[in-house]
Protein backbone atom coordinates (compact mmCIF):
# COMPACT_ATOMS: atom_id res chain seq x y z
CA MET A 1 15.97 -4.77 -19.59
CA PRO A 2 15.57 -0.74 -19.98
CA VAL A 3 15.35 1.98 -17.77
CA TRP A 4 11.88 2.70 -17.61
CA SER A 5 11.19 -0.59 -16.68
CA ILE A 6 11.29 0.23 -13.42
CA TRP A 7 8.58 3.44 -14.12
CA VAL A 8 6.15 0.58 -14.98
CA ILE A 9 6.95 -1.67 -11.89
CA ALA A 10 6.63 1.35 -9.58
CA ALA A 11 3.45 2.42 -11.62
CA LEU A 12 1.90 -0.83 -11.34
CA VAL A 13 1.84 -1.04 -7.37
CA VAL A 14 0.95 2.87 -6.87
CA ILE A 15 -1.85 1.49 -9.16
CA ALA A 16 -2.75 -1.29 -6.98
CA ASP A 17 -1.60 -0.07 -3.97
CA ARG A 18 -3.94 2.92 -3.94
CA LEU A 19 -6.79 0.65 -5.89
CA SER A 20 -7.07 -1.84 -2.92
CA LYS A 21 -6.82 1.43 -0.49
CA LEU A 22 -9.31 2.74 -1.88
CA ALA A 23 -11.65 -0.10 -2.31
CA VAL A 24 -11.09 -0.58 1.94
CA MET A 25 -11.61 2.69 2.60
CA LYS A 26 -14.75 3.06 0.60
CA HIS A 27 -16.48 -0.63 1.75
CA MET A 28 -15.30 -0.96 5.51
CA THR A 29 -14.93 1.07 8.74
CA GLU A 30 -11.88 1.42 11.07
CA PHE A 31 -10.56 -1.55 12.91
CA GLN A 32 -13.45 -3.75 10.85
CA SER A 33 -12.12 -7.05 9.70
CA ILE A 34 -13.18 -9.24 7.34
CA SER A 35 -12.24 -13.09 7.36
CA VAL A 36 -11.23 -13.74 3.73
CA ILE A 37 -9.16 -17.11 3.64
CA PRO A 38 -10.63 -18.34 7.40
CA HIS A 39 -7.93 -18.84 9.85
CA VAL A 40 -5.49 -17.44 7.26
CA LEU A 41 -6.46 -13.97 5.55
CA TRP A 42 -8.48 -11.07 7.29
CA LEU A 43 -8.47 -7.48 5.96
CA THR A 44 -8.70 -5.48 8.89
CA TYR A 45 -9.05 -1.88 7.94
CA VAL A 46 -6.36 0.49 10.37
CA HIS A 47 -4.67 3.71 9.82
CA ASN A 48 -0.71 3.53 10.72
CA THR A 49 0.73 7.11 11.76
CA GLY A 50 4.16 4.91 12.40
CA ALA A 51 6.56 2.44 10.19
CA ALA A 52 6.39 -0.90 10.03
CA PHE A 53 5.68 -2.79 13.07
CA SER A 54 3.85 0.57 14.24
CA LEU A 55 7.39 2.01 14.97
CA PHE A 56 7.87 5.82 15.56
CA GLN A 57 4.11 6.43 15.45
CA ARG A 58 3.31 10.17 14.50
CA GLY A 59 6.67 10.28 13.03
CA THR A 60 4.83 11.10 9.45
CA ALA A 61 7.16 14.31 8.48
CA ILE A 62 10.21 12.02 9.34
CA LEU A 63 8.69 9.08 7.55
CA ALA A 64 7.44 10.92 4.74
CA ALA A 65 11.62 12.43 4.41
CA ILE A 66 12.25 8.75 4.71
CA SER A 67 10.18 7.53 1.58
CA ALA A 68 11.17 10.34 0.20
CA MET A 69 15.03 9.54 0.10
CA VAL A 70 14.40 6.13 -0.44
CA VAL A 71 12.47 7.27 -3.69
CA VAL A 72 15.55 9.29 -4.83
CA ALA A 73 18.13 6.30 -3.59
CA VAL A 74 16.09 4.10 -6.31
CA VAL A 75 16.18 6.36 -9.13
CA TRP A 76 19.91 7.01 -8.61
CA ALA A 77 21.09 3.56 -8.42
CA SER A 78 18.68 2.73 -11.23
CA ARG A 79 21.29 4.20 -13.59
CA HIS A 80 24.11 2.72 -12.64
CA PRO A 81 25.44 0.05 -15.12
CA LEU A 82 25.08 -2.68 -12.72
CA THR A 83 21.35 -2.61 -11.71
CA SER A 84 20.76 -3.35 -15.18
CA GLY A 85 19.87 -6.82 -15.00
CA ARG A 86 16.38 -8.20 -14.99
CA TRP A 87 15.87 -8.99 -11.69
CA PHE A 88 17.56 -6.47 -9.78
CA ARG A 89 15.03 -3.68 -11.92
CA VAL A 90 12.31 -5.96 -11.03
CA GLY A 91 13.44 -5.33 -7.51
CA LEU A 92 14.10 -1.29 -7.59
CA GLY A 93 10.87 -1.18 -9.15
CA LEU A 94 9.15 -3.03 -6.42
CA VAL A 95 10.72 -0.62 -3.69
CA LEU A 96 9.86 2.51 -5.83
CA GLY A 97 6.63 1.30 -6.40
CA GLY A 98 5.65 0.95 -2.79
CA ALA A 99 7.59 3.79 -1.45
CA LEU A 100 5.78 6.44 -3.26
CA GLY A 101 2.65 4.33 -2.64
CA ASN A 102 2.93 5.03 1.22
CA LEU A 103 4.44 7.88 0.60
CA TYR A 104 0.90 9.69 -1.19
CA ASP A 105 -0.71 8.02 1.90
CA ARG A 106 1.90 10.28 4.33
CA LEU A 107 1.14 13.24 2.31
CA PHE A 108 -2.49 13.33 1.96
CA TYR A 109 -3.85 10.94 5.14
CA ARG A 110 -0.91 11.97 7.29
CA SER A 111 -1.17 7.92 8.26
CA VAL A 112 -0.87 5.13 6.07
CA VAL A 113 -4.18 3.39 5.32
CA ASP A 114 -2.88 -0.49 5.63
CA PHE A 115 -5.19 -4.11 5.34
CA LEU A 116 -4.09 -7.27 4.82
CA ASP A 117 -4.10 -9.01 7.99
CA VAL A 118 -2.30 -12.04 8.96
CA ARG A 119 -2.50 -12.58 12.34
CA VAL A 120 0.51 -13.29 13.00
CA TRP A 121 2.18 -10.31 11.60
CA PRO A 122 1.31 -6.79 11.92
CA VAL A 123 -1.22 -5.16 9.37
CA PHE A 124 -0.04 -3.84 6.16
CA ASN A 125 -0.69 -3.40 2.53
CA VAL A 126 0.46 -3.94 -1.24
CA ALA A 127 2.99 -1.31 -0.74
CA ASP A 128 4.65 -2.59 2.32
CA SER A 129 5.16 -6.21 0.66
CA SER A 130 6.41 -4.79 -2.47
CA ILE A 131 9.10 -2.76 -0.06
CA VAL A 132 9.60 -5.99 1.48
CA VAL A 133 9.31 -8.57 -1.64
CA GLY A 134 11.98 -5.62 -3.52
CA GLY A 135 14.03 -5.30 -0.64
CA ILE A 136 14.96 -9.02 -0.23
CA LEU A 137 15.81 -9.05 -3.96
CA VAL A 138 18.04 -6.62 -4.43
CA PHE A 139 19.88 -7.72 -0.95
CA LEU A 140 19.95 -11.59 -2.19
CA LEU A 141 21.20 -10.24 -5.90
CA VAL A 142 23.98 -7.84 -4.48
CA LEU A 143 24.66 -10.40 -2.02
CA PHE A 144 25.24 -13.52 -4.27
CA ASP A 145 25.94 -11.47 -7.32
CA PRO A 146 30.19 -11.21 -6.94
CA ALA A 147 29.96 -7.31 -9.69
CA LEU A 148 27.47 -6.16 -7.42
CA SER A 149 28.58 -7.17 -4.23
CA GLY A 150 32.56 -5.39 -4.59
CA LYS A 151 34.02 -9.39 -4.51
CA VAL A 152 34.64 -8.71 -8.36
CA THR A 153 38.63 -10.52 -8.37
CA ALA A 154 41.01 -9.19 -10.88
CA GLY A 155 41.57 -12.18 -13.79
CA THR A 156 43.68 -13.12 -16.42
CA GLY A 157 41.44 -12.24 -18.84
CA ASP A 158 41.94 -16.46 -19.79
CA GLY A 159 38.54 -17.49 -17.10
CA ASN A 160 41.17 -18.08 -14.20
CA PRO A 161 41.97 -15.80 -11.29
């Protein structure tokens, strides 16, 4: 999978994130909650000035800087030969798109627009979901791929260590 595929995935995440947030901001009032799937999923419009689980409230500048560092780290990682696998690039693209989506909100709204509400978890958005799914995917690939986890052993070249 080519390096540019990370940017395509990231762009799709940013587009989905922006369109969903714009729709919520246009058609809902803050703190309004609409049941989508009874007892399972609600749309609840809130502005979050913090990070996940509303930690670090009013830490917009620090959180924007962290988002920017994540973007730089993903771009740097995408150039490494070990990250050329399809699923690794998908994971990086999801993380990159999510970080860019939330960074946009922090820079232009000084908060992040959240709206997906499952009531047993803090309200979140498309960007948050992409970061979590992409991060888990990358973590699992690093954990279970010997070349990525640093657990590669020198062999004799005949398939035996």
